[in-house]
Amino acid sequence: MSAFANILVGGVFHAAVLFLVAAGLQLVFGVQKIINLACGSFYALGAYFGVTFIAYATQLGLSPWLIFPGLVIAGLLLGVVGPPIERMLRSVYGRDESFALLLTFALVLMFQDVFRFFWGANPRSLDNAYLIYGTINTRDFGVPVYNLLVIGAAITTAAALGALLGRTNFGRIVRATAENRAMAEALGVDVRRIYSVVFTLGAALGTTAGALIVPTAAASLDMAIEFVVEAFAVVVIGGLGSMPGALVGSLIVGLMRAFAIVLYPEFEVLAVYVIVIAVLLLRPAGLFGKPVA
């Protein structure tokens, strides 16, 4: 029973981080109709910057207990990369989706060189930061408190996004813009501003996820590609443009990987894509996606 609980918590932790990236990807596509391959690079940027930010903050006397909020702040600060990149993407609005795919893939390659230039080719990590908050132990079951903090952050983010999009004037404007851009513009909505804010929010979600993962995993050059593949698996399972789909898809992918690693490690990656193939065959729009008329 304890082994099952450990696997479950580990899977939910991975799902929490994955949800933050997938939520940003879903938000950008839902409003701007752009499939943003660069979301994996935002994740990697958050990881590298998180390591550097905490290292310098620690040298300046930051308490180890403030590592978690420090990483959250580091991730959110990186949202500043959103506006200039969104401005670059304006040239592909309204055009075939392949243009956006090519442009965002070019951004992935550019970010790879940026990471190599500033941080080198070797992985970077936060030593001894993962267990700084201790572990909750119950008989033979133990879970690091840091895992629970990240899971709590993801749940809070999901609730905040739901409230923002569903209960505020800004959310109603965003949903109206996503539904019919021309009509929103005719009614006086500054669509360019909405696009900039939405893309910045999506970027900040990705960079925050990357910053939060570094106490448990090293920042490396290949993490952007690896994670964007998982994020797209979530999108396929949950449905492109669906925020509930991002949540459910993240849980499915996170739990499948966690159980596969323990039960049959060679099946870890394949397990996720078996689910992806099944969803594509049985429900091509995804579990929460809207079928194309």
Protein backbone atom coordinates (compact mmCIF):
# COMPACT_ATOMS: atom_id res chain seq x y z
CA MET A 1 0.00 0.00 0.00
CA SER A 2 2.84 2.39 0.85
CA ALA A 3 4.55 1.63 -2.47
CA PHE A 4 1.33 2.48 -4.29
CA ALA A 5 1.01 5.75 -2.36
CA ASN A 6 4.60 6.73 -3.19
CA ILE A 7 4.03 6.05 -6.89
CA LEU A 8 0.76 7.98 -6.78
CA VAL A 9 2.32 11.06 -5.19
CA GLY A 10 5.26 10.94 -7.58
CA GLY A 11 2.91 10.73 -10.56
CA VAL A 12 0.76 13.61 -9.32
CA PHE A 13 3.90 15.71 -8.74
CA HIS A 14 5.02 15.16 -12.33
CA ALA A 15 1.48 15.87 -13.52
CA ALA A 16 1.45 19.15 -11.57
CA VAL A 17 4.55 20.45 -13.35
CA LEU A 18 3.32 19.14 -16.69
CA PHE A 19 -0.05 20.85 -16.21
CA LEU A 20 1.58 24.28 -15.85
CA VAL A 21 3.31 23.92 -19.23
CA ALA A 22 0.28 22.34 -20.93
CA ALA A 23 -2.03 25.03 -19.54
CA GLY A 24 0.12 27.72 -21.13
CA LEU A 25 0.13 25.80 -24.41
CA GLN A 26 -3.66 25.36 -24.31
CA LEU A 27 -4.27 29.00 -23.42
CA VAL A 28 -2.18 30.31 -26.31
CA PHE A 29 -3.76 27.96 -28.82
CA GLY A 30 -7.28 28.54 -27.56
CA VAL A 31 -7.01 32.32 -27.99
CA GLN A 32 -4.36 32.87 -30.66
CA LYS A 33 -4.70 29.61 -32.61
CA ILE A 34 -0.94 29.09 -32.49
CA ILE A 35 0.66 25.73 -31.66
CA ASN A 36 3.61 26.97 -29.64
CA LEU A 37 6.51 24.54 -29.82
CA ALA A 38 8.60 27.04 -27.85
CA CYS A 39 6.71 26.17 -24.64
CA GLY A 40 9.39 23.57 -23.93
CA SER A 41 12.07 26.24 -24.24
CA PHE A 42 10.18 28.44 -21.77
CA TYR A 43 10.24 25.48 -19.39
CA ALA A 44 14.00 25.02 -19.82
CA LEU A 45 14.60 28.77 -19.48
CA GLY A 46 12.74 28.74 -16.16
CA ALA A 47 14.87 25.84 -14.96
CA TYR A 48 18.19 27.48 -15.84
CA PHE A 49 17.16 30.88 -14.51
CA GLY A 50 15.77 29.29 -11.35
CA VAL A 51 19.13 27.65 -10.58
CA THR A 52 20.99 30.91 -11.17
CA PHE A 53 18.49 33.05 -9.27
CA ILE A 54 18.56 30.86 -6.16
CA ALA A 55 22.36 30.52 -6.29
CA TYR A 56 22.84 34.30 -6.26
CA ALA A 57 20.06 34.83 -3.71
CA THR A 58 21.68 32.27 -1.39
CA GLN A 59 25.02 34.08 -1.67
CA LEU A 60 23.22 37.26 -0.61
CA GLY A 61 21.83 35.54 2.49
CA LEU A 62 18.48 34.15 1.35
CA SER A 63 17.06 31.72 3.89
CA PRO A 64 16.87 28.14 2.55
CA TRP A 65 13.21 28.13 3.62
CA LEU A 66 12.49 30.75 0.97
CA ILE A 67 13.68 28.59 -1.92
CA PHE A 68 10.16 27.65 -3.03
CA PRO A 69 8.77 31.23 -3.15
CA GLY A 70 12.07 32.33 -4.68
CA LEU A 71 11.66 29.84 -7.52
CA VAL A 72 8.06 30.95 -8.08
CA ILE A 73 9.21 34.58 -8.29
CA ALA A 74 12.04 33.64 -10.66
CA GLY A 75 9.61 31.84 -12.96
CA LEU A 76 7.09 34.67 -12.95
CA LEU A 77 9.77 37.30 -13.65
CA LEU A 78 10.64 35.47 -16.85
CA GLY A 79 7.19 36.28 -18.19
CA VAL A 80 8.94 39.37 -19.60
CA VAL A 81 10.08 37.22 -22.55
CA GLY A 82 6.44 36.94 -23.63
CA PRO A 83 5.72 40.37 -25.21
CA PRO A 84 8.74 40.52 -27.58
CA ILE A 85 8.19 36.94 -28.74
CA GLU A 86 4.45 37.55 -29.22
CA ARG A 87 5.29 40.59 -31.34
CA MET A 88 7.50 38.37 -33.49
CA LEU A 89 4.64 35.90 -33.93
CA ARG A 90 2.21 38.52 -35.21
CA SER A 91 3.44 37.90 -38.73
CA VAL A 92 1.85 34.43 -38.72
CA TYR A 93 -1.57 35.31 -37.28
CA GLY A 94 -4.33 34.21 -39.61
CA ARG A 95 -1.96 32.18 -41.78
CA ASP A 96 -1.58 28.43 -42.14
CA GLU A 97 -0.61 26.69 -38.88
CA SER A 98 2.60 25.40 -40.46
CA PHE A 99 4.05 28.94 -40.38
CA ALA A 100 3.60 29.13 -36.61
CA LEU A 101 5.06 25.64 -36.18
CA LEU A 102 8.16 26.56 -38.18
CA LEU A 103 8.63 29.89 -36.41
CA THR A 104 8.23 28.48 -32.90
CA PHE A 105 10.53 25.56 -33.78
CA ALA A 106 13.11 28.14 -34.88
CA LEU A 107 12.72 29.71 -31.44
CA VAL A 108 13.48 26.32 -29.86
CA LEU A 109 16.76 26.13 -31.78
CA MET A 110 17.63 29.73 -30.87
CA PHE A 111 16.95 29.10 -27.18
CA GLN A 112 19.19 26.03 -27.29
CA ASP A 113 22.10 28.23 -28.35
CA VAL A 114 21.20 30.82 -25.70
CA PHE A 115 21.29 28.15 -22.99
CA ARG A 116 24.61 26.82 -24.23
CA PHE A 117 26.10 30.33 -24.37
CA PHE A 118 25.06 31.43 -20.87
CA TRP A 119 25.05 28.16 -18.92
CA GLY A 120 27.27 25.84 -20.94
CA ALA A 121 26.57 22.27 -22.03
CA ASN A 122 26.73 20.67 -18.58
CA PRO A 123 23.54 20.19 -16.53
CA ARG A 124 22.89 22.63 -13.68
CA SER A 125 21.10 21.76 -10.45
CA LEU A 126 20.26 23.01 -6.95
CA ASP A 127 22.20 20.82 -4.54
CA ASN A 128 20.50 19.83 -1.28
CA ALA A 129 17.43 21.99 -1.99
CA TYR A 130 14.88 19.23 -2.56
CA LEU A 131 14.58 18.09 1.08
CA ILE A 132 15.04 21.48 2.72
CA TYR A 133 11.37 21.43 3.79
CA GLY A 134 11.63 17.93 5.18
CA THR A 135 9.48 14.85 4.64
CA ILE A 136 6.09 13.85 5.96
CA ASN A 137 6.33 10.27 7.23
CA THR A 138 3.44 7.98 8.10
CA ARG A 139 4.59 4.47 9.05
CA ASP A 140 6.43 3.23 5.95
CA PHE A 141 5.11 5.99 3.67
CA GLY A 142 7.01 9.24 3.19
CA VAL A 143 6.52 12.18 0.88
CA PRO A 144 8.80 15.23 0.52
CA VAL A 145 7.01 18.41 1.53
CA TYR A 146 8.41 20.10 -1.60
CA ASN A 147 6.33 17.75 -3.76
CA LEU A 148 3.20 18.79 -1.90
CA LEU A 149 4.07 22.48 -2.31
CA VAL A 150 4.37 22.08 -6.08
CA ILE A 151 1.12 20.09 -6.27
CA GLY A 152 -0.58 22.80 -4.21
CA ALA A 153 0.82 25.48 -6.53
CA ALA A 154 -0.58 23.66 -9.58
CA ILE A 155 -4.01 23.28 -7.96
CA THR A 156 -4.01 26.96 -7.03
CA THR A 157 -3.01 27.90 -10.58
CA ALA A 158 -5.79 25.77 -12.07
CA ALA A 159 -8.36 27.39 -9.76
CA ALA A 160 -7.02 30.88 -10.49
CA LEU A 161 -7.11 30.32 -14.25
CA GLY A 162 -10.64 29.00 -14.01
CA ALA A 163 -11.73 32.06 -12.04
CA LEU A 164 -9.87 34.46 -14.33
CA LEU A 165 -11.34 33.06 -17.54
CA GLY A 166 -14.81 32.29 -16.23
CA ARG A 167 -15.67 35.01 -13.72
CA THR A 168 -13.91 38.23 -14.71
CA ASN A 169 -14.49 40.82 -17.42
CA PHE A 170 -11.01 40.12 -18.75
CA GLY A 171 -11.85 36.42 -19.00
CA ARG A 172 -15.04 37.17 -20.91
CA ILE A 173 -13.12 39.38 -23.32
CA VAL A 174 -10.50 36.65 -23.80
CA ARG A 175 -13.19 34.05 -24.51
CA ALA A 176 -14.96 36.40 -26.92
CA THR A 177 -11.67 37.07 -28.74
CA ALA A 178 -10.97 33.34 -28.97
CA GLU A 179 -14.46 32.70 -30.37
CA ASN A 180 -14.55 35.49 -32.96
CA ARG A 181 -11.60 37.87 -33.30
CA ALA A 182 -13.24 40.03 -35.98
CA MET A 183 -16.38 40.58 -33.92
CA ALA A 184 -14.31 41.38 -30.81
CA GLU A 185 -12.34 43.99 -32.76
CA ALA A 186 -15.57 45.47 -34.13
CA LEU A 187 -16.81 45.87 -30.55
CA GLY A 188 -13.70 47.84 -29.60
CA VAL A 189 -11.52 45.12 -28.06
CA ASP A 190 -7.77 45.75 -28.37
CA VAL A 191 -7.01 42.29 -29.72
CA ARG A 192 -3.26 42.90 -29.95
CA ARG A 193 -3.15 43.72 -26.25
CA ILE A 194 -5.21 40.62 -25.40
CA TYR A 195 -2.88 38.44 -27.47
CA SER A 196 0.17 39.94 -25.77
CA VAL A 197 -1.25 39.38 -22.27
CA VAL A 198 -2.37 35.82 -23.06
CA PHE A 199 0.98 34.84 -24.59
CA THR A 200 2.85 36.39 -21.66
CA LEU A 201 0.67 34.44 -19.23
CA GLY A 202 1.35 31.23 -21.16
CA ALA A 203 5.09 31.91 -21.14
CA ALA A 204 5.06 32.65 -17.39
CA LEU A 205 3.29 29.34 -16.70
CA GLY A 206 6.01 27.48 -18.62
CA THR A 207 8.93 29.29 -17.00
CA THR A 208 7.43 28.84 -13.53
CA ALA A 209 7.08 25.10 -14.14
CA GLY A 210 10.74 24.92 -15.15
CA ALA A 211 11.85 26.87 -12.10
CA LEU A 212 9.87 24.59 -9.76
CA ILE A 213 11.34 21.38 -11.18
CA VAL A 214 15.03 22.18 -10.60
CA PRO A 215 15.23 21.00 -6.97
CA THR A 216 14.25 17.53 -8.24
CA ALA A 217 15.96 17.46 -11.64
CA ALA A 218 18.90 19.19 -13.28
CA ALA A 219 18.46 21.86 -15.94
CA SER A 220 19.89 20.49 -19.20
CA LEU A 221 19.96 21.28 -22.90
CA ASP A 222 17.70 18.38 -23.88
CA MET A 223 14.94 19.06 -21.35
CA ALA A 224 13.09 21.46 -23.68
CA ILE A 225 12.53 18.86 -26.40
CA GLU A 226 11.74 16.08 -23.94
CA PHE A 227 9.12 18.10 -22.11
CA VAL A 228 7.44 19.61 -25.16
CA VAL A 229 6.81 16.07 -26.40
CA GLU A 230 5.06 15.24 -23.13
CA ALA A 231 3.12 18.51 -23.25
CA PHE A 232 1.80 17.67 -26.70
CA ALA A 233 0.84 14.20 -25.51
CA VAL A 234 -1.24 15.94 -22.82
CA VAL A 235 -2.82 18.19 -25.46
CA VAL A 236 -3.72 15.25 -27.69
CA ILE A 237 -5.25 13.32 -24.79
CA GLY A 238 -7.13 16.24 -23.27
CA GLY A 239 -8.10 18.04 -26.43
CA LEU A 240 -6.46 21.02 -28.12
CA GLY A 241 -7.53 24.31 -26.52
CA SER A 242 -9.28 22.73 -23.51
CA MET A 243 -8.10 23.75 -20.04
CA PRO A 244 -9.93 20.86 -18.27
CA GLY A 245 -8.31 18.64 -20.89
CA ALA A 246 -4.88 19.93 -19.86
CA LEU A 247 -5.61 19.01 -16.24
CA VAL A 248 -6.94 15.53 -16.97
CA GLY A 249 -4.33 14.84 -19.64
CA SER A 250 -1.53 15.83 -17.28
CA LEU A 251 -2.82 13.47 -14.60
CA ILE A 252 -3.06 10.60 -17.09
CA VAL A 253 0.46 11.15 -18.43
CA GLY A 254 1.99 11.73 -14.99
CA LEU A 255 0.42 8.65 -13.43
CA MET A 256 1.09 6.42 -16.43
CA ARG A 257 4.78 7.31 -16.39
CA ALA A 258 5.07 6.88 -12.63
CA PHE A 259 3.52 3.41 -12.62
CA ALA A 260 5.41 2.34 -15.76
CA ILE A 261 8.77 3.35 -14.23
CA VAL A 262 8.14 1.11 -11.23
CA LEU A 263 6.36 -1.81 -12.89
CA TYR A 264 8.18 -2.00 -16.22
CA PRO A 265 10.74 0.80 -16.86
CA GLU A 266 11.21 -0.09 -20.53
CA PHE A 267 7.52 0.71 -21.04
CA GLU A 268 7.78 4.23 -19.55
CA VAL A 269 7.63 6.27 -22.76
CA LEU A 270 5.63 3.74 -24.74
CA ALA A 271 2.88 3.70 -22.09
CA VAL A 272 2.08 7.37 -22.74
CA TYR A 273 1.89 6.92 -26.48
CA VAL A 274 -0.33 3.88 -26.21
CA ILE A 275 -2.84 6.20 -24.54
CA VAL A 276 -2.25 8.87 -27.20
CA ILE A 277 -2.88 6.38 -30.01
CA ALA A 278 -6.00 5.05 -28.29
CA VAL A 279 -7.41 8.57 -27.90
CA LEU A 280 -6.64 9.44 -31.53
CA LEU A 281 -8.43 6.30 -32.71
CA LEU A 282 -11.47 6.52 -30.44
CA ARG A 283 -11.86 10.28 -29.95
CA PRO A 284 -9.61 12.27 -32.35
CA ALA A 285 -10.60 15.63 -30.83
CA GLY A 286 -9.40 14.53 -27.38
CA LEU A 287 -11.33 13.77 -24.20
CA PHE A 288 -12.50 17.37 -23.79
CA GLY A 289 -11.91 18.75 -27.28
CA LYS A 290 -14.65 19.90 -29.61
CA PRO A 291 -14.98 17.84 -32.81
CA VAL A 292 -14.48 19.88 -35.95
CA ALA A 293 -17.78 20.32 -37.75
